[in-house]
Amino acid sequence: MAIIVNMDVMLARRKMSLSELAEKVGLTLSNLSILKTGKAKAIRFSTLEAICKALDCQPGDILEYQPAQS
């Protein structure tokens, strides 16, 4: 997939656990885990906004585009 999720990097920088982020954002731990591992097919802007607010970051700090290797 060409979209890379760097949520684990931001969690480490903020010294925050995934379960703590899930509580702050209002998502289940399993849904947040699916997003973190890059297995999610979509993300709502409201969810992205809540994650950015909780981690005090920009969407580009979490999501990265890398062209697919052919």
PDB file of N, CA and C in Angstrom:
ATOM      1  N   MET A   1       0.848  -1.179   0.000  1.00  0.00           N
ATOM      2  CA  MET A   1       0.000   0.000   0.000  1.00  0.00           C
ATOM      3  C   MET A   1       0.890   1.238   0.000  1.00  0.00           C
ATOM      4  N   ALA A   2       0.482   2.267  -0.674  1.00  0.00           N
ATOM      5  CA  ALA A   2       1.280   3.471  -0.827  1.00  0.00           C
ATOM      6  C   ALA A   2       1.155   4.427   0.356  1.00  0.00           C
ATOM      7  N   ILE A   3       0.172   4.218   1.231  1.00  0.00           N
ATOM      8  CA  ILE A   3       0.011   5.066   2.407  1.00  0.00           C
ATOM      9  C   ILE A   3       0.596   4.342   3.613  1.00  0.00           C
ATOM     10  N   ILE A   4       1.527   4.985   4.282  1.00  0.00           N
ATOM     11  CA  ILE A   4       2.186   4.429   5.464  1.00  0.00           C
ATOM     12  C   ILE A   4       1.658   5.167   6.697  1.00  0.00           C
ATOM     13  N   VAL A   5       1.292   4.421   7.724  1.00  0.00           N
ATOM     14  CA  VAL A   5       0.796   5.008   8.970  1.00  0.00           C
ATOM     15  C   VAL A   5       1.936   5.005   9.986  1.00  0.00           C
ATOM     16  N   ASN A   6       2.313   6.193  10.434  1.00  0.00           N
ATOM     17  CA  ASN A   6       3.418   6.359  11.381  1.00  0.00           C
ATOM     18  C   ASN A   6       2.923   6.686  12.787  1.00  0.00           C
ATOM     19  N   MET A   7       1.775   6.150  13.152  1.00  0.00           N
ATOM     20  CA  MET A   7       1.204   6.460  14.451  1.00  0.00           C
ATOM     21  C   MET A   7       2.095   5.971  15.594  1.00  0.00           C
ATOM     22  N   ASP A   8       2.751   4.839  15.410  1.00  0.00           N
ATOM     23  CA  ASP A   8       3.619   4.305  16.462  1.00  0.00           C
ATOM     24  C   ASP A   8       4.778   5.254  16.764  1.00  0.00           C
ATOM     25  N   VAL A   9       5.263   5.955  15.742  1.00  0.00           N
ATOM     26  CA  VAL A   9       6.338   6.929  15.935  1.00  0.00           C
ATOM     27  C   VAL A   9       5.853   8.084  16.798  1.00  0.00           C
ATOM     28  N   MET A  10       4.660   8.594  16.484  1.00  0.00           N
ATOM     29  CA  MET A  10       4.113   9.712  17.258  1.00  0.00           C
ATOM     30  C   MET A  10       3.769   9.286  18.678  1.00  0.00           C
ATOM     31  N   LEU A  11       3.276   8.068  18.841  1.00  0.00           N
ATOM     32  CA  LEU A  11       2.979   7.565  20.187  1.00  0.00           C
ATOM     33  C   LEU A  11       4.262   7.497  21.019  1.00  0.00           C
ATOM     34  N   ALA A  12       5.333   7.038  20.415  1.00  0.00           N
ATOM     35  CA  ALA A  12       6.610   6.952  21.124  1.00  0.00           C
ATOM     36  C   ALA A  12       7.129   8.342  21.478  1.00  0.00           C
ATOM     37  N   ARG A  13       7.011   9.280  20.556  1.00  0.00           N
ATOM     38  CA  ARG A  13       7.475  10.646  20.819  1.00  0.00           C
ATOM     39  C   ARG A  13       6.695  11.295  21.961  1.00  0.00           C
ATOM     40  N   ARG A  14       5.422  10.978  22.049  1.00  0.00           N
ATOM     41  CA  ARG A  14       4.565  11.563  23.087  1.00  0.00           C
ATOM     42  C   ARG A  14       4.530  10.713  24.365  1.00  0.00           C
ATOM     43  N   LYS A  15       5.251   9.586  24.331  1.00  0.00           N
ATOM     44  CA  LYS A  15       5.273   8.654  25.464  1.00  0.00           C
ATOM     45  C   LYS A  15       3.854   8.292  25.894  1.00  0.00           C
ATOM     46  N   MET A  16       3.055   7.905  24.891  1.00  0.00           N
ATOM     47  CA  MET A  16       1.654   7.565  25.114  1.00  0.00           C
ATOM     48  C   MET A  16       1.400   6.153  24.627  1.00  0.00           C
ATOM     49  N   SER A  17       0.599   5.409  25.352  1.00  0.00           N
ATOM     50  CA  SER A  17       0.248   4.054  24.928  1.00  0.00           C
ATOM     51  C   SER A  17      -0.937   4.109  23.964  1.00  0.00           C
ATOM     52  N   LEU A  18      -1.102   3.037  23.235  1.00  0.00           N
ATOM     53  CA  LEU A  18      -2.222   2.951  22.301  1.00  0.00           C
ATOM     54  C   LEU A  18      -3.547   2.965  23.058  1.00  0.00           C
ATOM     55  N   SER A  19      -3.591   2.320  24.197  1.00  0.00           N
ATOM     56  CA  SER A  19      -4.835   2.302  24.980  1.00  0.00           C
ATOM     57  C   SER A  19      -5.157   3.690  25.530  1.00  0.00           C
ATOM     58  N   GLU A  20      -4.142   4.453  25.903  1.00  0.00           N
ATOM     59  CA  GLU A  20      -4.368   5.826  26.371  1.00  0.00           C
ATOM     60  C   GLU A  20      -4.905   6.691  25.228  1.00  0.00           C
ATOM     61  N   LEU A  21      -4.333   6.534  24.036  1.00  0.00           N
ATOM     62  CA  LEU A  21      -4.822   7.280  22.873  1.00  0.00           C
ATOM     63  C   LEU A  21      -6.252   6.884  22.545  1.00  0.00           C
ATOM     64  N   ALA A  22      -6.561   5.594  22.612  1.00  0.00           N
ATOM     65  CA  ALA A  22      -7.912   5.124  22.324  1.00  0.00           C
ATOM     66  C   ALA A  22      -8.920   5.774  23.265  1.00  0.00           C
ATOM     67  N   GLU A  23      -8.548   5.898  24.522  1.00  0.00           N
ATOM     68  CA  GLU A  23      -9.436   6.527  25.507  1.00  0.00           C
ATOM     69  C   GLU A  23      -9.641   8.005  25.204  1.00  0.00           C
ATOM     70  N   LYS A  24      -8.553   8.710  24.862  1.00  0.00           N
ATOM     71  CA  LYS A  24      -8.639  10.146  24.569  1.00  0.00           C
ATOM     72  C   LYS A  24      -9.443  10.418  23.302  1.00  0.00           C
ATOM     73  N   VAL A  25      -9.314   9.538  22.315  1.00  0.00           N
ATOM     74  CA  VAL A  25      -9.960   9.753  21.018  1.00  0.00           C
ATOM     75  C   VAL A  25     -11.393   9.226  21.012  1.00  0.00           C
ATOM     76  N   GLY A  26     -11.674   8.247  21.857  1.00  0.00           N
ATOM     77  CA  GLY A  26     -13.018   7.680  21.898  1.00  0.00           C
ATOM     78  C   GLY A  26     -13.208   6.549  20.911  1.00  0.00           C
ATOM     79  N   LEU A  27     -12.137   5.846  20.585  1.00  0.00           N
ATOM     80  CA  LEU A  27     -12.209   4.683  19.699  1.00  0.00           C
ATOM     81  C   LEU A  27     -11.902   3.431  20.501  1.00  0.00           C
ATOM     82  N   THR A  28     -12.339   2.291  19.986  1.00  0.00           N
ATOM     83  CA  THR A  28     -11.964   1.044  20.642  1.00  0.00           C
ATOM     84  C   THR A  28     -10.492   0.770  20.353  1.00  0.00           C
ATOM     85  N   LEU A  29      -9.870   0.039  21.246  1.00  0.00           N
ATOM     86  CA  LEU A  29      -8.458  -0.302  21.079  1.00  0.00           C
ATOM     87  C   LEU A  29      -8.252  -1.109  19.801  1.00  0.00           C
ATOM     88  N   SER A  30      -9.192  -1.994  19.485  1.00  0.00           N
ATOM     89  CA  SER A  30      -9.040  -2.814  18.276  1.00  0.00           C
ATOM     90  C   SER A  30      -9.131  -1.968  17.006  1.00  0.00           C
ATOM     91  N   ASN A  31     -10.036  -1.002  16.956  1.00  0.00           N
ATOM     92  CA  ASN A  31     -10.137  -0.142  15.769  1.00  0.00           C
ATOM     93  C   ASN A  31      -8.896   0.725  15.607  1.00  0.00           C
ATOM     94  N   LEU A  32      -8.373   1.222  16.706  1.00  0.00           N
ATOM     95  CA  LEU A  32      -7.166   2.036  16.641  1.00  0.00           C
ATOM     96  C   LEU A  32      -5.963   1.185  16.238  1.00  0.00           C
ATOM     97  N   SER A  33      -5.940  -0.045  16.690  1.00  0.00           N
ATOM     98  CA  SER A  33      -4.868  -0.966  16.325  1.00  0.00           C
ATOM     99  C   SER A  33      -4.894  -1.270  14.827  1.00  0.00           C
ATOM    100  N   ILE A  34      -6.080  -1.453  14.280  1.00  0.00           N
ATOM    101  CA  ILE A  34      -6.230  -1.693  12.836  1.00  0.00           C
ATOM    102  C   ILE A  34      -5.688  -0.498  12.049  1.00  0.00           C
ATOM    103  N   LEU A  35      -5.987   0.690  12.517  1.00  0.00           N
ATOM    104  CA  LEU A  35      -5.483   1.896  11.865  1.00  0.00           C
ATOM    105  C   LEU A  35      -3.964   1.985  11.993  1.00  0.00           C
ATOM    106  N   LYS A  36      -3.440   1.719  13.172  1.00  0.00           N
ATOM    107  CA  LYS A  36      -2.005   1.824  13.444  1.00  0.00           C
ATOM    108  C   LYS A  36      -1.185   0.857  12.586  1.00  0.00           C
ATOM    109  N   THR A  37      -1.714  -0.331  12.364  1.00  0.00           N
ATOM    110  CA  THR A  37      -0.974  -1.326  11.588  1.00  0.00           C
ATOM    111  C   THR A  37      -1.131  -1.138  10.080  1.00  0.00           C
ATOM    112  N   GLY A  38      -1.910  -0.157   9.665  1.00  0.00           N
ATOM    113  CA  GLY A  38      -2.077   0.118   8.244  1.00  0.00           C
ATOM    114  C   GLY A  38      -3.087  -0.785   7.557  1.00  0.00           C
ATOM    115  N   LYS A  39      -3.890  -1.510   8.323  1.00  0.00           N
ATOM    116  CA  LYS A  39      -4.873  -2.418   7.737  1.00  0.00           C
ATOM    117  C   LYS A  39      -6.219  -1.753   7.483  1.00  0.00           C
ATOM    118  N   ALA A  40      -6.381  -0.520   7.933  1.00  0.00           N
ATOM    119  CA  ALA A  40      -7.640   0.204   7.729  1.00  0.00           C
ATOM    120  C   ALA A  40      -7.769   0.608   6.261  1.00  0.00           C
ATOM    121  N   LYS A  41      -8.977   0.577   5.759  1.00  0.00           N
ATOM    122  CA  LYS A  41      -9.234   0.974   4.369  1.00  0.00           C
ATOM    123  C   LYS A  41      -9.546   2.462   4.250  1.00  0.00           C
ATOM    124  N   ALA A  42      -9.955   3.078   5.368  1.00  0.00           N
ATOM    125  CA  ALA A  42     -10.340   4.495   5.349  1.00  0.00           C
ATOM    126  C   ALA A  42     -10.235   5.053   6.758  1.00  0.00           C
ATOM    127  N   ILE A  43     -10.218   6.379   6.849  1.00  0.00           N
ATOM    128  CA  ILE A  43     -10.265   7.059   8.141  1.00  0.00           C
ATOM    129  C   ILE A  43     -11.117   8.302   7.972  1.00  0.00           C
ATOM    130  N   ARG A  44     -11.978   8.536   8.929  1.00  0.00           N
ATOM    131  CA  ARG A  44     -12.812   9.748   8.892  1.00  0.00           C
ATOM    132  C   ARG A  44     -11.957  10.941   9.286  1.00  0.00           C
ATOM    133  N   PHE A  45     -12.264  12.081   8.691  1.00  0.00           N
ATOM    134  CA  PHE A  45     -11.529  13.292   9.042  1.00  0.00           C
ATOM    135  C   PHE A  45     -11.709  13.632  10.514  1.00  0.00           C
ATOM    136  N   SER A  46     -12.896  13.373  11.060  1.00  0.00           N
ATOM    137  CA  SER A  46     -13.127  13.663  12.479  1.00  0.00           C
ATOM    138  C   SER A  46     -12.239  12.783  13.363  1.00  0.00           C
ATOM    139  N   THR A  47     -12.004  11.542  12.960  1.00  0.00           N
ATOM    140  CA  THR A  47     -11.117  10.650  13.709  1.00  0.00           C
ATOM    141  C   THR A  47      -9.677  11.130  13.591  1.00  0.00           C
ATOM    142  N   LEU A  48      -9.268  11.491  12.390  1.00  0.00           N
ATOM    143  CA  LEU A  48      -7.914  12.002  12.170  1.00  0.00           C
ATOM    144  C   LEU A  48      -7.689  13.279  12.978  1.00  0.00           C
ATOM    145  N   GLU A  49      -8.693  14.126  13.006  1.00  0.00           N
ATOM    146  CA  GLU A  49      -8.603  15.365  13.782  1.00  0.00           C
ATOM    147  C   GLU A  49      -8.440  15.065  15.273  1.00  0.00           C
ATOM    148  N   ALA A  50      -9.210  14.112  15.786  1.00  0.00           N
ATOM    149  CA  ALA A  50      -9.123  13.755  17.204  1.00  0.00           C
ATOM    150  C   ALA A  50      -7.760  13.158  17.544  1.00  0.00           C
ATOM    151  N   ILE A  51      -7.223  12.334  16.652  1.00  0.00           N
ATOM    152  CA  ILE A  51      -5.898  11.746  16.874  1.00  0.00           C
ATOM    153  C   ILE A  51      -4.831  12.839  16.870  1.00  0.00           C
ATOM    154  N   CYS A  52      -4.909  13.746  15.910  1.00  0.00           N
ATOM    155  CA  CYS A  52      -3.938  14.845  15.835  1.00  0.00           C
ATOM    156  C   CYS A  52      -4.021  15.737  17.070  1.00  0.00           C
ATOM    157  N   LYS A  53      -5.231  15.976  17.552  1.00  0.00           N
ATOM    158  CA  LYS A  53      -5.403  16.791  18.752  1.00  0.00           C
ATOM    159  C   LYS A  53      -4.791  16.089  19.960  1.00  0.00           C
ATOM    160  N   ALA A  54      -5.049  14.797  20.110  1.00  0.00           N
ATOM    161  CA  ALA A  54      -4.535  14.040  21.255  1.00  0.00           C
ATOM    162  C   ALA A  54      -3.014  13.919  21.221  1.00  0.00           C
ATOM    163  N   LEU A  55      -2.446  13.794  20.022  1.00  0.00           N
ATOM    164  CA  LEU A  55      -0.995  13.640  19.887  1.00  0.00           C
ATOM    165  C   LEU A  55      -0.274  14.968  19.631  1.00  0.00           C
ATOM    166  N   ASP A  56      -1.054  16.050  19.516  1.00  0.00           N
ATOM    167  CA  ASP A  56      -0.498  17.378  19.245  1.00  0.00           C
ATOM    168  C   ASP A  56       0.424  17.330  18.030  1.00  0.00           C
ATOM    169  N   CYS A  57      -0.160  16.920  16.895  1.00  0.00           N
ATOM    170  CA  CYS A  57       0.624  16.779  15.672  1.00  0.00           C
ATOM    171  C   CYS A  57      -0.227  17.143  14.460  1.00  0.00           C
ATOM    172  N   GLN A  58       0.360  17.057  13.295  1.00  0.00           N
ATOM    173  CA  GLN A  58      -0.317  17.318  12.035  1.00  0.00           C
ATOM    174  C   GLN A  58      -0.622  15.987  11.344  1.00  0.00           C
ATOM    175  N   PRO A  59      -1.625  15.942  10.446  1.00  0.00           N
ATOM    176  CA  PRO A  59      -1.926  14.699   9.729  1.00  0.00           C
ATOM    177  C   PRO A  59      -0.710  14.117   9.010  1.00  0.00           C
ATOM    178  N   GLY A  60       0.155  14.965   8.489  1.00  0.00           N
ATOM    179  CA  GLY A  60       1.354  14.507   7.800  1.00  0.00           C
ATOM    180  C   GLY A  60       2.367  13.835   8.716  1.00  0.00           C
ATOM    181  N   ASP A  61       2.237  14.052  10.020  1.00  0.00           N
ATOM    182  CA  ASP A  61       3.103  13.368  10.977  1.00  0.00           C
ATOM    183  C   ASP A  61       2.665  11.915  11.154  1.00  0.00           C
ATOM    184  N   ILE A  62       1.406  11.636  10.843  1.00  0.00           N
ATOM    185  CA  ILE A  62       0.837  10.299  11.029  1.00  0.00           C
ATOM    186  C   ILE A  62       0.777   9.519   9.720  1.00  0.00           C
ATOM    187  N   LEU A  63       0.397  10.203   8.646  1.00  0.00           N
ATOM    188  CA  LEU A  63       0.227   9.549   7.343  1.00  0.00           C
ATOM    189  C   LEU A  63       1.317   9.990   6.377  1.00  0.00           C
ATOM    190  N   GLU A  64       1.832   9.029   5.630  1.00  0.00           N
ATOM    191  CA  GLU A  64       2.916   9.300   4.678  1.00  0.00           C
ATOM    192  C   GLU A  64       2.614   8.561   3.379  1.00  0.00           C
ATOM    193  N   TYR A  65       2.910   9.197   2.264  1.00  0.00           N
ATOM    194  CA  TYR A  65       2.716   8.576   0.955  1.00  0.00           C
ATOM    195  C   TYR A  65       4.068   8.101   0.426  1.00  0.00           C
ATOM    196  N   GLN A  66       4.115   6.822   0.047  1.00  0.00           N
ATOM    197  CA  GLN A  66       5.291   6.269  -0.622  1.00  0.00           C
ATOM    198  C   GLN A  66       4.788   5.536  -1.870  1.00  0.00           C
ATOM    199  N   PRO A  67       5.274   5.948  -3.036  1.00  0.00           N
ATOM    200  CA  PRO A  67       4.833   5.286  -4.272  1.00  0.00           C
ATOM    201  C   PRO A  67       5.101   3.779  -4.216  1.00  0.00           C
ATOM    202  N   ALA A  68       4.188   3.026  -4.792  1.00  0.00           N
ATOM    203  CA  ALA A  68       4.344   1.560  -4.817  1.00  0.00           C
ATOM    204  C   ALA A  68       5.533   1.181  -5.671  1.00  0.00           C
ATOM    205  N   GLN A  69       6.264   0.166  -5.257  1.00  0.00           N
ATOM    206  CA  GLN A  69       7.403  -0.342  -6.029  1.00  0.00           C
ATOM    207  C   GLN A  69       6.870  -1.265  -7.121  1.00  0.00           C
ATOM    208  N   SER A  70       7.357  -1.076  -8.344  1.00  0.00           N
ATOM    209  CA  SER A  70       6.896  -1.960  -9.429  1.00  0.00           C
ATOM    210  C   SER A  70       7.973  -2.884  -9.920  1.00  0.00           C
TER     211      SER A  70
END
